[in-house]
Protein backbone atom coordinates (compact mmCIF):
# COMPACT_ATOMS: atom_id res chain seq x y z
CA MET A 1 0.00 0.00 0.00
CA VAL A 2 1.44 3.35 -1.09
CA VAL A 3 0.01 6.16 1.06
CA SER A 4 0.56 9.50 -0.67
CA LYS A 5 -1.14 11.59 2.03
CA LYS A 6 -2.40 11.01 5.54
CA TYR A 7 -5.05 13.33 7.00
CA THR A 8 -5.49 13.48 10.77
CA ASP A 9 -6.56 17.12 11.21
CA MET A 10 -10.01 18.55 10.64
CA ALA A 11 -9.70 20.91 7.68
CA PRO A 12 -11.33 21.61 4.30
CA ALA A 13 -8.38 20.22 2.29
CA PRO A 14 -9.10 16.46 2.68
CA ILE A 15 -12.82 17.03 2.12
CA LEU A 16 -12.06 18.86 -1.14
CA ARG A 17 -9.82 15.94 -2.11
CA LEU A 18 -12.97 13.83 -2.07
CA HIS A 19 -15.31 16.50 -3.47
CA ARG A 20 -13.69 17.46 -6.78
CA HIS A 21 -16.24 20.04 -7.97
CA GLY A 22 -17.23 23.62 -7.26
CA ASP A 23 -20.97 23.94 -7.68
CA GLY A 24 -22.19 20.93 -5.68
CA TYR A 25 -23.23 21.07 -2.03
CA ILE A 26 -21.33 19.12 0.63
CA ALA A 27 -23.62 17.81 3.39
CA PHE A 28 -22.48 17.60 7.01
CA ALA A 29 -24.12 15.86 9.96
CA ARG A 30 -23.40 15.00 13.56
CA GLU A 31 -24.31 12.23 15.93
CA ARG A 32 -25.37 12.59 19.54
CA ASP A 33 -25.24 9.85 22.18
CA GLY A 34 -24.56 7.18 19.56
CA ASP A 35 -28.08 6.99 18.08
CA ASP A 36 -29.28 10.54 17.39
CA PHE A 37 -28.03 11.28 13.85
CA ARG A 38 -28.97 14.74 12.56
CA PRO A 39 -28.09 16.74 9.43
CA LEU A 40 -26.27 19.93 10.37
CA VAL A 41 -25.44 22.04 7.32
CA SER A 42 -24.71 21.83 3.60
CA ILE A 43 -21.99 24.08 2.13
CA ARG A 44 -21.28 24.82 -1.51
CA ALA A 45 -17.89 23.32 -2.42
CA SER A 46 -16.53 26.64 -3.73
CA GLU A 47 -17.39 28.25 -0.36
CA LEU A 48 -16.14 25.46 1.90
CA GLU A 49 -12.89 27.09 2.98
CA THR A 50 -14.80 30.26 3.90
CA TRP A 51 -17.65 28.76 5.92
CA PHE A 52 -16.27 25.45 7.26
CA PRO A 53 -14.60 27.12 10.32
CA ALA A 54 -18.00 28.40 11.46
CA PHE A 55 -19.27 24.82 11.93
CA ARG A 56 -16.03 23.11 12.87
CA GLU A 57 -16.72 23.07 16.62
CA ASP A 58 -20.03 21.24 16.08
CA LEU A 59 -18.28 18.59 13.97
CA GLU A 60 -15.28 17.88 16.19
CA ARG A 61 -17.09 15.08 18.03
CA ASP A 62 -18.85 12.49 15.84
CA GLY A 63 -18.88 14.70 12.76
CA PHE A 64 -19.81 13.31 9.32
CA VAL A 65 -19.56 14.46 5.71
CA GLY A 66 -21.54 13.20 2.70
CA ILE A 67 -19.52 11.03 0.31
CA ASN A 68 -21.38 12.37 -2.74
CA ALA A 69 -22.51 15.94 -3.47
CA ASP A 70 -26.04 17.37 -3.53
CA TRP A 71 -27.78 19.37 -6.22
CA ARG A 72 -29.27 22.06 -3.98
CA LEU A 73 -30.26 23.04 -0.41
CA ARG A 74 -33.49 22.25 1.39
CA SER A 75 -33.44 25.81 2.75
CA VAL A 76 -30.86 28.60 2.46
CA GLY A 77 -28.88 29.96 5.38
CA GLU A 78 -28.20 33.48 6.64
CA HIS A 79 -25.75 34.19 3.81
CA GLY A 80 -27.85 33.11 0.86
CA GLU A 81 -27.01 29.98 -1.11
CA SER A 82 -23.48 29.63 0.26
CA TYR A 83 -24.79 27.20 2.87
CA GLY A 84 -28.06 26.02 4.40
CA TYR A 85 -30.02 23.02 5.58
CA PRO A 86 -29.06 19.83 3.67
CA LEU A 87 -31.20 18.08 1.07
CA HIS A 88 -29.14 14.89 0.96
CA SER A 89 -30.74 11.90 -0.74
CA SER A 90 -29.90 9.54 -3.60
CA ASP A 91 -32.38 11.21 -5.97
CA ARG A 92 -31.08 14.72 -5.24
CA LEU A 93 -27.38 14.24 -6.03
CA ARG A 94 -25.35 16.38 -8.43
CA TYR A 95 -22.01 14.55 -8.34
CA ILE A 96 -20.79 11.03 -7.64
CA ASN A 97 -17.44 11.40 -5.90
CA ALA A 98 -16.60 7.84 -4.85
CA CYS A 99 -17.72 4.25 -4.55
CA TYR A 100 -17.15 2.81 -1.09
CA VAL A 101 -17.45 -0.11 1.31
CA ASP A 102 -17.78 -0.11 5.10
CA ILE A 103 -15.87 -3.07 6.61
CA ASP A 104 -16.98 -3.92 10.16
CA PHE A 105 -14.18 -6.43 10.68
CA TYR A 106 -14.48 -6.29 14.47
CA LYS A 107 -17.78 -8.20 14.23
CA LEU A 108 -15.78 -11.18 12.88
CA ASN A 109 -13.08 -10.83 15.58
CA LEU A 110 -10.52 -9.71 12.99
CA ASP A 111 -7.94 -6.99 13.57
CA LEU A 112 -7.11 -3.96 11.44
CA GLY A 113 -3.68 -5.21 10.36
CA THR A 114 -5.07 -8.53 9.12
CA VAL A 115 -7.82 -6.84 7.11
CA ILE A 116 -5.50 -4.28 5.53
CA GLY A 117 -3.06 -7.07 4.66
CA ARG A 118 -5.77 -9.05 2.91
CA VAL A 119 -6.98 -5.96 1.05
CA ILE A 120 -3.42 -5.32 -0.16
CA ASN A 121 -3.13 -8.91 -1.36
CA LEU A 122 -6.39 -8.58 -3.31
CA GLN A 123 -5.14 -5.35 -4.87
CA GLU A 124 -1.77 -6.82 -5.80
CA SER A 125 -3.41 -9.88 -7.37
CA GLY A 126 -5.71 -7.70 -9.47
CA GLN A 127 -8.91 -9.04 -7.88
CA LEU A 128 -9.73 -5.67 -6.32
CA PRO A 129 -9.00 -2.24 -7.85
CA TYR A 130 -6.56 -0.16 -5.82
CA ALA A 131 -8.58 1.88 -3.33
CA SER A 132 -8.17 5.65 -3.62
CA MET A 133 -8.59 6.19 0.11
CA LEU A 134 -8.68 4.14 3.32
CA VAL A 135 -10.52 5.55 6.32
CA ARG A 136 -9.84 4.37 9.83
CA SER A 137 -13.15 5.36 11.35
CA GLY A 138 -12.67 3.87 14.81
CA GLN A 139 -13.78 0.26 15.08
CA GLY A 140 -14.08 -0.30 11.32
CA LEU A 141 -12.36 0.45 8.03
CA TRP A 142 -13.73 2.19 4.93
CA LEU A 143 -12.38 1.85 1.39
CA LEU A 144 -13.22 4.47 -1.23
CA TRP A 145 -12.62 4.54 -4.98
CA PHE A 146 -12.62 8.10 -6.40
CA VAL A 147 -14.72 8.53 -9.54
CA HIS A 148 -14.19 11.19 -12.21
CA ASP A 149 -16.02 12.37 -15.31
CA VAL A 150 -15.05 10.68 -18.58
CA GLU A 151 -14.25 13.96 -20.32
CA SER A 152 -12.87 15.86 -17.30
CA PRO A 153 -10.44 13.82 -15.15
CA ASP A 154 -10.27 16.60 -12.53
CA LEU A 155 -14.06 16.71 -12.07
CA SER A 156 -16.30 14.24 -10.24
CA GLN A 157 -18.85 12.21 -12.19
CA ARG A 158 -22.22 13.90 -12.76
CA ALA A 159 -25.01 11.93 -11.07
CA PHE A 160 -27.17 11.10 -14.10
CA PRO A 161 -29.77 8.32 -13.65
CA ASP A 162 -27.85 5.78 -15.78
CA LYS A 163 -24.67 6.53 -13.78
CA LEU A 164 -26.49 6.00 -10.49
CA GLU A 165 -27.76 2.63 -11.74
CA LEU A 166 -24.24 1.57 -12.69
CA TYR A 167 -23.07 2.90 -9.30
CA SER A 168 -25.49 0.56 -7.51
CA HIS A 169 -24.13 -2.46 -9.44
CA ILE A 170 -20.56 -1.50 -8.53
CA GLN A 171 -21.50 -1.14 -4.87
CA ALA A 172 -23.07 -4.62 -4.85
CA ALA A 173 -19.98 -6.14 -6.51
CA ILE A 174 -17.59 -4.54 -4.01
CA ILE A 175 -19.65 -5.66 -1.01
CA GLU A 176 -19.93 -9.24 -2.24
CA ARG A 177 -16.17 -9.49 -2.69
CA LEU A 178 -15.45 -8.22 0.80
CA LEU A 179 -18.27 -9.90 2.75
CA PRO A 180 -15.85 -12.40 4.38
CA LEU A 181 -13.97 -9.43 5.88
CA GLY A 182 -17.15 -7.97 7.39
CA ALA A 183 -18.47 -5.66 4.63
CA ASP A 184 -21.70 -3.99 5.73
CA MET A 185 -24.41 -5.10 3.29
CA ALA A 186 -26.64 -2.17 4.24
CA ALA A 187 -24.02 0.49 3.45
CA ARG A 188 -24.43 0.79 -0.32
CA ASP A 189 -26.63 3.84 -1.03
CA ALA A 190 -25.25 6.93 -2.75
CA ALA A 191 -26.35 9.27 0.07
CA ARG A 192 -24.08 7.74 2.73
CA TYR A 193 -22.12 9.84 5.24
CA LEU A 194 -18.49 9.31 6.26
CA ARG A 195 -16.68 10.41 9.43
CA ILE A 196 -14.60 13.57 9.01
CA PRO A 197 -10.80 13.25 9.40
CA GLY A 198 -9.61 14.59 12.72
CA SER A 199 -13.03 14.20 14.36
CA TRP A 200 -13.39 12.20 17.56
CA ASN A 201 -15.33 8.93 17.50
CA THR A 202 -16.84 8.78 20.99
CA SER A 203 -18.04 5.16 20.74
CA ALA A 204 -14.58 3.88 19.73
CA GLU A 205 -12.72 6.57 21.69
CA GLY A 206 -10.38 7.34 18.84
CA SER A 207 -9.61 9.93 16.18
CA VAL A 208 -10.61 9.39 12.54
CA GLU A 209 -7.85 9.18 9.91
CA TRP A 210 -8.01 9.38 6.11
CA TRP A 211 -5.22 7.73 4.09
CA VAL A 212 -5.05 8.60 0.39
CA GLN A 213 -3.50 5.76 -1.59
CA GLY A 214 -1.62 6.28 -4.84
CA LYS A 215 1.72 7.16 -6.38
CA GLY A 216 0.79 10.82 -6.85
CA ASP A 217 -0.95 13.41 -4.69
CA ALA A 218 -4.28 12.81 -6.42
CA GLY A 219 -4.33 9.09 -5.61
CA TYR A 220 -6.07 6.50 -7.76
CA VAL A 221 -9.04 7.82 -9.74
CA TYR A 222 -11.40 5.84 -11.99
CA THR A 223 -14.36 6.28 -14.26
CA LEU A 224 -17.51 4.36 -13.32
CA ARG A 225 -17.19 2.25 -16.45
CA ASP A 226 -13.58 1.41 -15.63
CA LEU A 227 -14.56 0.28 -12.13
CA ALA A 228 -17.47 -1.74 -13.48
CA LEU A 229 -15.19 -3.55 -15.94
CA ARG A 230 -12.53 -4.24 -13.30
CA LEU A 231 -15.15 -5.58 -10.87
CA ARG A 232 -17.29 -7.23 -13.57
CA ALA A 233 -20.20 -5.45 -11.92
CA PHE A 234 -23.05 -7.06 -13.77
CA PRO A 235 -26.30 -7.51 -11.78
CA VAL A 236 -26.42 -10.86 -9.97
CA HIS A 237 -29.83 -12.22 -8.99
CA ARG A 238 -29.48 -14.70 -6.15
CA HIS A 239 -31.86 -17.62 -5.70
CA GLY A 240 -33.83 -17.79 -2.46
CA ARG A 241 -31.76 -20.74 -1.20
CA GLU A 242 -28.56 -18.77 -1.85
CA ILE A 243 -29.92 -15.82 0.11
CA ILE A 244 -30.67 -18.18 3.00
CA ALA A 245 -27.14 -19.59 2.77
CA HIS A 246 -25.71 -16.06 2.98
CA ASN A 247 -27.81 -15.32 6.06
CA PRO A 248 -25.59 -15.56 9.16
CA ALA A 249 -28.32 -17.32 11.17
CA LYS A 250 -27.18 -20.12 13.45
CA ARG A 251 -26.89 -23.48 11.73
CA ARG A 252 -25.27 -26.75 12.66
CA GLY A 253 -23.92 -29.90 11.07
CA TRP A 254 -24.30 -30.54 7.36
CA VAL A 255 -26.71 -27.62 6.91
CA ALA A 256 -24.08 -25.17 8.18
CA LEU A 257 -21.32 -26.84 6.15
CA ASN A 258 -23.28 -26.68 2.87
CA ALA A 259 -24.33 -23.07 3.50
CA ARG A 260 -20.75 -22.02 4.24
CA ARG A 261 -19.43 -23.74 1.10
CA LEU A 262 -22.03 -22.00 -1.07
CA ARG A 263 -21.08 -18.64 0.48
CA ASP A 264 -17.41 -19.31 -0.24
CA PHE A 265 -18.21 -20.32 -3.81
CA ASN A 266 -20.20 -17.12 -4.46
CA THR A 267 -17.45 -15.00 -2.92
CA LEU A 268 -14.86 -16.65 -5.19
CA ARG A 269 -17.20 -16.16 -8.14
CA ALA A 270 -17.41 -12.44 -7.36
CA LEU A 271 -13.65 -12.13 -6.85
CA ARG A 272 -12.91 -13.66 -10.25
CA GLY A 273 -15.88 -12.25 -12.10
CA GLY A 274 -16.60 -15.71 -13.46
CA PHE A 275 -14.45 -18.80 -13.99
CA SER A 276 -11.84 -19.24 -16.72
CA GLN A 277 -10.83 -22.20 -18.82
CA GLY A 278 -9.19 -24.87 -16.71
CA CYS A 279 -11.71 -24.87 -13.88
CA ARG A 280 -14.96 -23.59 -15.40
CA ASN A 281 -16.44 -27.08 -15.89
CA ASN A 282 -15.51 -28.06 -12.35
CA ALA A 283 -17.04 -24.79 -11.12
CA ALA A 284 -20.32 -25.59 -12.86
CA LYS A 285 -20.39 -29.09 -11.34
CA LEU A 286 -19.63 -27.80 -7.86
CA TYR A 287 -22.17 -24.97 -8.13
CA ALA A 288 -24.96 -27.32 -9.21
CA TRP A 289 -23.99 -29.75 -6.44
CA LEU A 290 -23.92 -27.02 -3.77
CA LEU A 291 -27.31 -25.75 -4.90
CA ARG A 292 -28.74 -29.25 -4.47
CA CYS A 293 -27.06 -29.58 -1.08
CA ASN A 294 -28.84 -26.36 -0.09
CA ALA A 295 -32.27 -27.76 -1.08
CA THR A 296 -32.66 -25.98 -4.43
CA CYS A 297 -35.19 -27.59 -6.79
CA ASN A 298 -33.97 -29.20 -10.02
CA SER A 299 -35.46 -26.62 -12.44
CA ASP A 300 -33.78 -23.77 -10.57
CA VAL A 301 -30.47 -25.65 -10.50
CA ILE A 302 -30.55 -25.86 -14.30
CA GLY A 303 -31.32 -22.16 -14.74
CA LEU A 304 -28.75 -20.95 -12.19
CA THR A 305 -26.02 -23.20 -13.60
CA THR A 306 -26.82 -21.87 -17.08
CA ASN A 307 -26.35 -18.31 -15.80
CA LEU A 308 -23.01 -19.31 -14.30
CA GLY A 309 -21.97 -20.79 -17.63
CA ARG A 310 -22.62 -17.45 -19.33
CA GLU A 311 -20.22 -15.75 -16.94
CA CYS A 312 -17.37 -18.15 -17.71
CA HIS A 313 -14.48 -17.31 -20.04
CA PRO A 314 -15.25 -18.67 -22.60
CA PHE A 315 -18.96 -19.45 -22.13
CA LEU A 316 -20.03 -22.99 -21.27
CA SER A 317 -22.06 -24.67 -23.99
CA LYS A 318 -25.54 -26.09 -23.36
CA SER A 319 -24.14 -29.62 -23.40
CA GLU A 320 -21.46 -28.71 -20.84
CA VAL A 321 -24.08 -27.16 -18.55
CA LYS A 322 -26.27 -30.25 -18.97
CA ASP A 323 -23.34 -32.54 -18.09
CA ALA A 324 -22.62 -30.45 -14.96
CA VAL A 325 -26.25 -30.70 -13.81
CA GLN A 326 -26.35 -34.46 -14.43
CA TYR A 327 -23.07 -34.92 -12.59
CA SER A 328 -24.42 -32.98 -9.61
CA LYS A 329 -27.23 -35.53 -9.28
CA LYS A 330 -24.69 -38.33 -8.92
CA MET A 331 -22.68 -36.28 -6.40
CA GLN A 332 -25.68 -35.28 -4.30
CA THR A 333 -25.31 -38.08 -1.74
CA ARG A 334 -21.51 -38.01 -1.70
CA ARG A 335 -19.20 -36.25 0.68
CA MET A 336 -16.35 -34.02 -0.44
CA PHE A 337 -13.38 -32.50 1.38
CA ASP A 338 -12.79 -28.75 1.36
CA GLN A 339 -9.37 -29.47 -0.09
CA THR A 340 -10.95 -31.27 -3.04
CA ILE A 341 -13.16 -28.24 -3.75
CA SER A 342 -10.10 -25.98 -3.59
CA ASP A 343 -8.16 -28.21 -5.97
CA TRP A 344 -11.04 -28.29 -8.45
CA LEU A 345 -11.31 -24.48 -8.40
CA ARG A 346 -7.55 -23.84 -8.20
CA ILE A 347 -7.91 -21.48 -5.25
CA THR A 348 -4.85 -19.31 -4.63
CA ALA A 349 -3.39 -18.40 -1.25
CA THR A 350 -4.67 -14.82 -1.61
CA GLU A 351 -8.20 -16.02 -2.34
CA SER A 352 -8.05 -18.47 0.56
CA GLU A 353 -7.37 -15.59 2.97
CA ILE A 354 -10.65 -13.98 1.97
CA LEU A 355 -12.76 -17.16 1.99
CA GLU A 356 -14.12 -18.52 5.25
CA ARG A 357 -12.65 -22.03 5.24
CA LEU A 358 -11.51 -23.22 1.79
CA PRO A 359 -7.71 -23.76 1.79
CA PRO A 360 -5.33 -23.01 -1.11
CA ALA A 361 -5.18 -25.60 -3.88
CA GLY A 362 -2.42 -28.17 -3.79
CA ARG A 363 -2.11 -28.32 -0.02
CA PRO A 364 -1.62 -31.92 1.19
CA ARG A 365 -4.79 -33.29 2.72
CA VAL A 366 -4.58 -34.04 6.43
CA VAL A 367 -5.58 -37.64 7.00
CA PRO A 368 -6.85 -38.32 10.54
CA VAL A 369 -4.69 -40.73 12.49
CA HIS A 370 -6.72 -43.33 14.35
CA ALA A 371 -5.52 -45.20 17.41
CA PRO A 372 -4.52 -48.86 16.84
CA ILE A 373 -7.29 -51.41 17.45
CA ALA A 374 -5.18 -53.16 20.12
CA SER A 375 -4.90 -50.03 22.25
CA ILE A 376 -8.64 -49.37 21.91
CA ARG A 377 -9.37 -52.91 23.14
CA GLN A 378 -7.00 -52.48 26.10
CA ALA A 379 -8.65 -49.20 27.10
CA MET A 380 -12.12 -50.80 26.88
CA ASP A 381 -11.08 -53.79 29.02
CA ALA A 382 -9.53 -51.48 31.64
CA ARG A 383 -12.67 -49.31 31.74
CA ARG A 384 -14.99 -52.29 32.20
CA ALA A 385 -12.76 -53.74 34.91
CA ALA A 386 -12.94 -50.39 36.71
CA ILE A 387 -16.77 -50.42 36.46
CA GLN A 388 -16.95 -53.91 37.99
CA ALA A 389 -14.61 -52.87 40.81
CA ILE A 390 -16.76 -49.82 41.60
CA LEU A 391 -19.95 -51.94 41.65
CA ALA A 392 -18.37 -54.40 44.08
CA GLU A 393 -17.27 -51.55 46.31
CA VAL A 394 -20.50 -49.51 46.49
CA GLY A 395 -22.90 -52.46 46.53
CA TYR A 396 -25.47 -51.01 44.08
CA VAL A 397 -25.65 -50.02 40.37
CA PRO A 398 -25.27 -46.26 39.78
CA THR A 399 -27.07 -44.65 36.85
CA VAL A 400 -25.25 -44.44 33.55
CA ARG A 401 -24.56 -40.72 33.90
CA ALA A 402 -23.40 -41.12 37.51
CA MET A 403 -20.96 -43.86 36.50
CA ALA A 404 -19.78 -41.75 33.55
CA ALA A 405 -18.96 -38.92 35.98
CA ILE A 406 -17.05 -41.32 38.25
CA ILE A 407 -14.82 -42.85 35.57
CA HIS A 408 -14.67 -39.67 33.39
CA ALA A 409 -16.22 -41.26 30.31
CA ASN A 410 -19.10 -40.58 27.94
CA HIS A 411 -22.50 -41.78 29.22
CA GLN A 412 -23.18 -43.60 25.94
CA THR A 413 -19.89 -45.47 26.33
CA VAL A 414 -20.88 -46.49 29.86
CA LEU A 415 -24.28 -47.65 28.58
CA ASN A 416 -22.55 -49.88 26.04
CA ASP A 417 -20.30 -51.24 28.79
CA TYR A 418 -23.31 -51.98 31.05
CA ASN A 419 -25.03 -53.88 28.23
CA SER A 420 -21.88 -55.83 27.36
CA LEU A 421 -21.31 -56.81 31.01
CA GLY A 422 -25.00 -57.74 31.46
CA ILE A 423 -25.47 -55.22 34.24
CA LYS A 424 -29.07 -54.33 35.11
CA TRP A 425 -29.56 -50.76 36.23
CA GLY A 426 -32.61 -48.71 37.14
CA ARG A 427 -33.82 -47.96 33.62
CA THR A 428 -33.35 -51.36 31.94
CA THR A 429 -36.42 -53.49 31.15
CA GLU A 430 -35.33 -56.33 33.42
CA ALA A 431 -34.74 -53.97 36.35
CA GLN A 432 -38.15 -52.35 35.88
CA LYS A 433 -39.89 -55.78 35.87
CA GLU A 434 -37.98 -56.88 38.97
CA LYS A 435 -38.96 -53.65 40.75
CA GLN A 436 -42.63 -54.10 39.85
CA GLY A 437 -42.51 -57.71 41.08
CA LYS A 438 -41.16 -56.64 44.45
CA GLN A 439 -43.83 -53.98 44.79
CA GLY A 440 -46.59 -56.56 43.96
CA SER A 441 -45.37 -59.01 46.63
CA LEU A 442 -46.03 -56.47 49.37
CA TYR A 443 -49.85 -56.72 48.94
């Protein structure tokens, strides 16, 4: 990561680095007590250096600035149209300044250094465009990609309707690639606010820092089309079963395993923007199999696998898609190691860092080492001898769970030992009949 400029002081300069225009309005807001978020003021970019000091004190603690610029004010201030009350919404924007992602890595128990390292690896491998700016907001990390007009590199992109639609596709592609690092799925709208550099984050008890990344002072700047091509930001419509698999609800056993593998597959699919020759057929087979493992009906499996085939480079033919779907039926009842999936998809070490569990391809599979049968038999004989000794000493038969606590074993193991030794205890059929017989003899 090449940081060309680091901003830690509250001043107009870093804000104007983001807002590269003169006639748009820059919205500011502040937060009180962690949950009371209120718009404060909106200042014309050409007047920012003049009027920003008047509102600086209100923004020093939990102060925010709009990422993109507004068209006009909701109401003018005391000095005309230089500033006033903000009208900040996605349908009232004048300029698109940056695409962004909010990474709440702390929710996944990750640390800042690990996340930045993985972001750098993705950038170096070409799977993520170099971010123009990194923002250390307190607990989380923001990445921003500056956007400029096609004809004017020094001017932000005008917020035309078709540009806003492309912007939404880019936002979705960025979030999907960085979900395993804690990307906030809700932070994708064009009217989002960002913490101001040098302001104090009271909830995290730390100061906000902006780091501009690039070889020059301007940092990396892109057009929306360039970003869309680099991210392959075509709209992806997820099936209902895939949405369920991406839901972080609590799951266990095979259900959790299959959901996690489908999440990893979709993340890898987003990182690569489709699968290339060499693993595209394997990808289609695995995708169809994972859909079936996640209870997707056959007709939907065919359609979704066909869509995947159209993303591949080159496209998969109808016969290849059909073969993948047929193969998935044969695989449906089979088990597969994570390492096998990685080998089929040729997962790199960089990609493995982003995925939840899939290892890099080519790593030797760890084969579990089982204890020799002779030692297992010896341990069983010793345990059963200990049970018989305890019974002789106490003079009665403890319950299975009580005996398990005494000899430090599993209660199911003790139950098997009781049955093998022919021991009758309180809950066996023979013991119940004997108890009933004794009770009947009293009358």
